[in-house]
Protein backbone atom coordinates (compact mmCIF):
# COMPACT_ATOMS: atom_id res chain seq x y z
CA MET A 1 48.85 22.76 -18.04
CA ASN A 2 45.65 21.15 -18.44
CA THR A 3 42.82 22.80 -16.30
CA LEU A 4 40.41 19.95 -17.10
CA ARG A 5 40.58 17.18 -14.53
CA TYR A 6 38.44 14.06 -14.06
CA PHE A 7 36.30 14.23 -11.12
CA ASP A 8 37.80 11.80 -8.34
CA PHE A 9 34.91 10.47 -6.08
CA GLY A 10 37.63 9.65 -3.31
CA GLN A 11 36.02 8.68 -0.23
CA SER A 12 32.57 8.84 -1.52
CA ARG A 13 33.25 6.17 -4.31
CA PRO A 14 32.20 3.19 -2.50
CA LEU A 15 28.84 4.95 -1.57
CA MET A 16 28.37 5.94 -5.09
CA LEU A 17 28.84 2.74 -6.19
CA LEU A 18 26.35 1.41 -3.71
CA ILE A 19 23.81 3.75 -5.04
CA ALA A 20 24.46 3.18 -8.50
CA ARG A 21 23.89 -0.70 -7.88
CA ILE A 22 20.55 0.04 -6.09
CA ALA A 23 19.54 2.57 -8.80
CA LEU A 24 20.40 -0.01 -11.82
CA VAL A 25 18.45 -3.00 -10.17
CA LEU A 26 15.46 -1.11 -8.61
CA LEU A 27 13.40 -1.23 -11.78
CA PHE A 28 13.96 -4.97 -11.93
CA ILE A 29 12.87 -5.46 -8.36
CA ILE A 30 9.83 -3.28 -8.86
CA PHE A 31 8.65 -5.05 -11.87
CA GLY A 32 9.90 -8.70 -10.50
CA TYR A 33 7.74 -8.42 -7.55
CA PRO A 34 4.34 -8.66 -9.33
CA LYS A 35 5.71 -11.28 -11.62
CA MET A 36 6.52 -13.53 -8.36
CA THR A 37 3.36 -12.79 -6.64
CA GLY A 38 1.21 -13.37 -9.71
CA PHE A 39 3.23 -16.09 -11.18
CA ASP A 40 0.38 -17.75 -13.20
CA GLY A 41 -0.31 -14.54 -15.04
CA THR A 42 3.40 -14.11 -15.61
CA VAL A 43 3.34 -17.72 -17.26
CA GLN A 44 0.60 -16.65 -19.40
CA TYR A 45 2.22 -13.25 -20.38
CA MET A 46 5.33 -15.11 -21.39
CA ALA A 47 3.34 -17.36 -23.60
CA THR A 48 1.42 -14.14 -25.23
CA LEU A 49 5.19 -12.93 -26.00
CA GLY A 50 5.97 -15.98 -27.65
CA ALA A 51 8.68 -16.71 -25.22
CA PRO A 52 10.11 -20.19 -25.48
CA LEU A 53 9.06 -22.44 -22.43
CA PRO A 54 6.72 -19.74 -20.80
CA MET A 55 7.15 -21.61 -17.40
CA VAL A 56 10.92 -21.76 -17.51
CA ALA A 57 10.89 -18.03 -18.80
CA ALA A 58 8.70 -16.94 -15.87
CA ILE A 59 10.95 -18.55 -13.39
CA ILE A 60 14.16 -17.16 -14.93
CA ALA A 61 12.35 -13.73 -14.82
CA VAL A 62 11.60 -13.98 -11.13
CA LEU A 63 14.82 -15.27 -10.20
CA MET A 64 16.67 -12.49 -12.16
CA GLU A 65 14.53 -9.67 -11.24
CA ILE A 66 14.09 -10.58 -7.57
CA VAL A 67 16.98 -12.83 -6.28
CA ALA A 68 19.77 -11.77 -8.70
CA ALA A 69 18.71 -8.13 -8.28
CA ILE A 70 18.90 -8.37 -4.37
CA LEU A 71 22.29 -10.07 -4.74
CA ILE A 72 23.48 -6.99 -6.81
CA VAL A 73 22.28 -4.70 -4.24
CA LEU A 74 24.27 -6.63 -1.63
CA GLY A 75 27.36 -6.83 -3.85
CA PHE A 76 27.40 -10.56 -3.73
CA PHE A 77 28.72 -12.38 -6.85
CA THR A 78 28.41 -8.89 -8.49
CA ARG A 79 30.54 -9.24 -11.64
CA PRO A 80 29.19 -12.74 -12.85
CA LEU A 81 25.55 -11.61 -12.16
CA ALA A 82 26.17 -8.44 -13.90
CA ILE A 83 27.37 -10.42 -16.79
CA LEU A 84 24.16 -12.59 -16.50
CA PHE A 85 21.99 -9.57 -16.44
CA ILE A 86 23.60 -8.15 -19.71
CA PHE A 87 22.21 -11.46 -21.46
CA TYR A 88 18.90 -11.23 -19.69
CA THR A 89 18.38 -7.67 -20.33
CA LEU A 90 19.28 -7.92 -24.16
CA GLY A 91 17.10 -11.10 -24.23
CA THR A 92 14.16 -9.25 -22.63
CA ALA A 93 14.55 -6.49 -25.41
CA VAL A 94 14.46 -8.97 -28.16
CA ILE A 95 11.60 -10.95 -26.93
CA GLY A 96 9.57 -8.36 -25.37
CA HIS A 97 10.21 -5.05 -27.17
CA HIS A 98 10.69 -6.35 -30.87
CA TYR A 99 9.31 -2.98 -32.33
CA TRP A 100 10.43 -3.89 -35.80
CA ASN A 101 7.54 -6.46 -36.04
CA MET A 102 4.98 -4.20 -34.82
CA SER A 103 2.94 -1.41 -36.29
CA GLY A 104 0.79 1.65 -35.29
CA ASP A 105 0.91 2.85 -31.68
CA ALA A 106 2.87 -0.08 -30.27
CA VAL A 107 5.92 0.98 -32.42
CA VAL A 108 7.34 3.89 -30.50
CA PRO A 109 7.13 2.67 -26.72
CA ASN A 110 8.38 -0.64 -27.55
CA MET A 111 11.27 1.11 -29.54
CA ILE A 112 12.00 3.31 -26.40
CA ASN A 113 11.87 0.17 -24.17
CA PHE A 114 14.24 -1.77 -26.56
CA TYR A 115 16.82 1.04 -26.42
CA LYS A 116 16.22 1.48 -22.69
CA ASN A 117 17.30 -2.25 -22.17
CA ILE A 118 20.33 -1.65 -24.44
CA SER A 119 21.50 1.31 -22.04
CA ILE A 120 20.76 -0.93 -19.11
CA ALA A 121 22.84 -3.65 -20.30
CA ALA A 122 25.51 -1.31 -20.97
CA ALA A 123 25.36 -0.25 -17.28
CA PHE A 124 25.71 -3.94 -16.25
CA LEU A 125 28.76 -4.12 -18.59
CA LEU A 126 30.31 -1.02 -16.61
CA LEU A 127 29.31 -2.91 -13.24
CA ALA A 128 31.05 -5.90 -14.40
CA ILE A 129 34.21 -3.92 -15.21
CA VAL A 130 34.45 -1.71 -12.14
CA GLY A 131 33.00 -4.12 -9.63
CA PRO A 132 30.77 -3.47 -6.88
CA GLY A 133 33.03 -1.12 -4.51
CA SER A 134 34.03 -1.76 -0.83
CA ILE A 135 30.47 -1.57 0.53
CA SER A 136 29.73 -5.03 -0.78
CA LEU A 137 29.79 -8.69 0.34
CA ASP A 138 32.29 -9.30 -2.40
CA LYS A 139 34.71 -7.11 -0.59
CA ARG A 140 34.11 -8.85 2.91
């Protein structure tokens, strides 16, 4: 008999999925709010990163980091938004943290942030697979 068993969250699974959704997008909301309130600066920042169409990039950033993130918390259109977040997060990794083109002190922090984004994209993939759980607007 195998004594190792997987941990079944049972009744707490919906709550754990809610907590995971909140934790996953909290970073986006925290950094998206200043992008929204200082929108002109966000457009300028996008231009310095070399983002194509800085105004459009800034609008997409605000929509994803505020609107889409709140929808993930609410569990509304969770799976399609999780897929969008995969591409958004990978895109921001390549555009904002291209450590392979950097030198000196910029390399390590950008490498860390690049791989952090890869990990976050993987978490969104898991969310797309398992769904939001029953504490969500998708399940109502």
